[in-house]
Amino acid sequence: MSLSAKEFSNTGPFRAVYFDGPQSDRDPDGEEIPAWVVYVGDADAEPTGTVYTLHHFKSAELLAYQMASDRRLDLIHEATPPDL
């Protein structure tokens, strides 16, 4: 297989999967709860599509790793787990 094969070529703009949080969110009762975001973004960390908001750290982390693997993108992991 050639290194210039399509799956190894990076001729487009920079993209990465970003995993960040926790951020403040509200539950249906109005209580403050932590939320983590996962999205594909550009070099300035601006989302290029859907931003997924999750309220469980492990679920968000698994989604981030899976998205990076599926899309063959770098993962920018800047999230911290909740204080237990």
Protein backbone atom coordinates (compact mmCIF):
# COMPACT_ATOMS: atom_id res chain seq x y z
CA MET A 1 0.00 0.00 0.00
CA SER A 2 1.32 3.42 -0.93
CA LEU A 3 1.66 6.18 1.66
CA SER A 4 0.01 8.48 -0.85
CA ALA A 5 -3.15 6.39 -0.70
CA LYS A 6 -6.31 8.44 -0.19
CA GLU A 7 -6.75 7.35 3.44
CA PHE A 8 -3.28 8.72 4.32
CA SER A 9 -3.54 11.99 2.40
CA ASN A 10 -4.17 15.16 4.38
CA THR A 11 -4.86 17.70 1.68
CA GLY A 12 -7.88 19.37 3.28
CA PRO A 13 -8.25 21.77 6.17
CA PHE A 14 -7.27 20.70 9.69
CA ARG A 15 -9.99 18.80 11.55
CA ALA A 16 -9.94 17.09 14.95
CA VAL A 17 -12.39 15.69 17.47
CA TYR A 18 -12.63 17.96 20.50
CA PHE A 19 -13.69 16.73 23.95
CA ASP A 20 -14.18 19.50 26.51
CA GLY A 21 -15.89 20.14 29.82
CA PRO A 22 -17.39 20.10 32.25
CA GLN A 23 -19.56 23.06 31.44
CA SER A 24 -22.56 24.23 33.39
CA ASP A 25 -25.97 22.98 32.24
CA ARG A 26 -29.41 22.66 33.84
CA ASP A 27 -31.59 19.60 34.41
CA PRO A 28 -35.40 19.73 33.88
CA ASP A 29 -35.84 20.90 37.50
CA GLY A 30 -33.47 23.82 36.96
CA GLU A 31 -30.64 22.32 39.02
CA GLU A 32 -27.10 22.95 37.83
CA ILE A 33 -25.42 19.83 36.41
CA PRO A 34 -22.12 19.23 34.57
CA ALA A 35 -22.07 18.66 30.82
CA TRP A 36 -19.31 17.64 28.40
CA VAL A 37 -19.19 18.45 24.70
CA VAL A 38 -17.81 16.39 21.82
CA TYR A 39 -17.54 17.69 18.27
CA VAL A 40 -15.45 17.82 15.13
CA GLY A 41 -13.77 21.20 14.88
CA ASP A 42 -11.28 23.19 12.87
CA ALA A 43 -7.84 24.50 13.82
CA ASP A 44 -9.47 27.23 15.95
CA ALA A 45 -11.60 24.62 17.80
CA GLU A 46 -14.73 25.96 16.10
CA PRO A 47 -17.35 23.24 15.49
CA THR A 48 -17.79 22.20 11.87
CA GLY A 49 -20.99 20.22 12.47
CA THR A 50 -23.07 18.76 15.26
CA VAL A 51 -22.01 19.46 18.85
CA TYR A 52 -22.93 16.58 21.16
CA THR A 53 -23.68 17.49 24.79
CA LEU A 54 -23.55 14.64 27.29
CA HIS A 55 -24.14 14.61 31.04
CA HIS A 56 -22.00 11.57 31.86
CA PHE A 57 -18.22 11.88 31.56
CA LYS A 58 -17.57 8.25 30.57
CA SER A 59 -20.25 8.32 27.86
CA ALA A 60 -18.79 11.53 26.44
CA GLU A 61 -15.26 10.14 26.58
CA LEU A 62 -16.27 6.94 24.77
CA LEU A 63 -18.08 8.97 22.09
CA ALA A 64 -14.99 11.17 21.59
CA TYR A 65 -12.66 8.19 21.19
CA GLN A 66 -15.08 6.45 18.82
CA MET A 67 -15.57 9.56 16.67
CA ALA A 68 -11.80 10.10 16.41
CA SER A 69 -11.24 6.47 15.48
CA ASP A 70 -14.09 6.32 12.94
CA ARG A 71 -13.07 9.56 11.26
CA ARG A 72 -9.30 8.95 11.58
CA LEU A 73 -8.86 12.31 13.28
CA ASP A 74 -6.75 13.46 16.21
CA LEU A 75 -8.52 13.70 19.56
CA ILE A 76 -8.04 16.94 21.49
CA HIS A 77 -8.96 15.76 25.02
CA GLU A 78 -9.31 18.77 27.30
CA ALA A 79 -12.12 17.42 29.49
CA THR A 80 -11.83 16.63 33.17
CA PRO A 81 -13.90 14.05 35.04
CA PRO A 82 -16.41 15.21 37.63
CA ASP A 83 -15.39 15.66 41.25
CA LEU A 84 -16.63 12.64 43.15
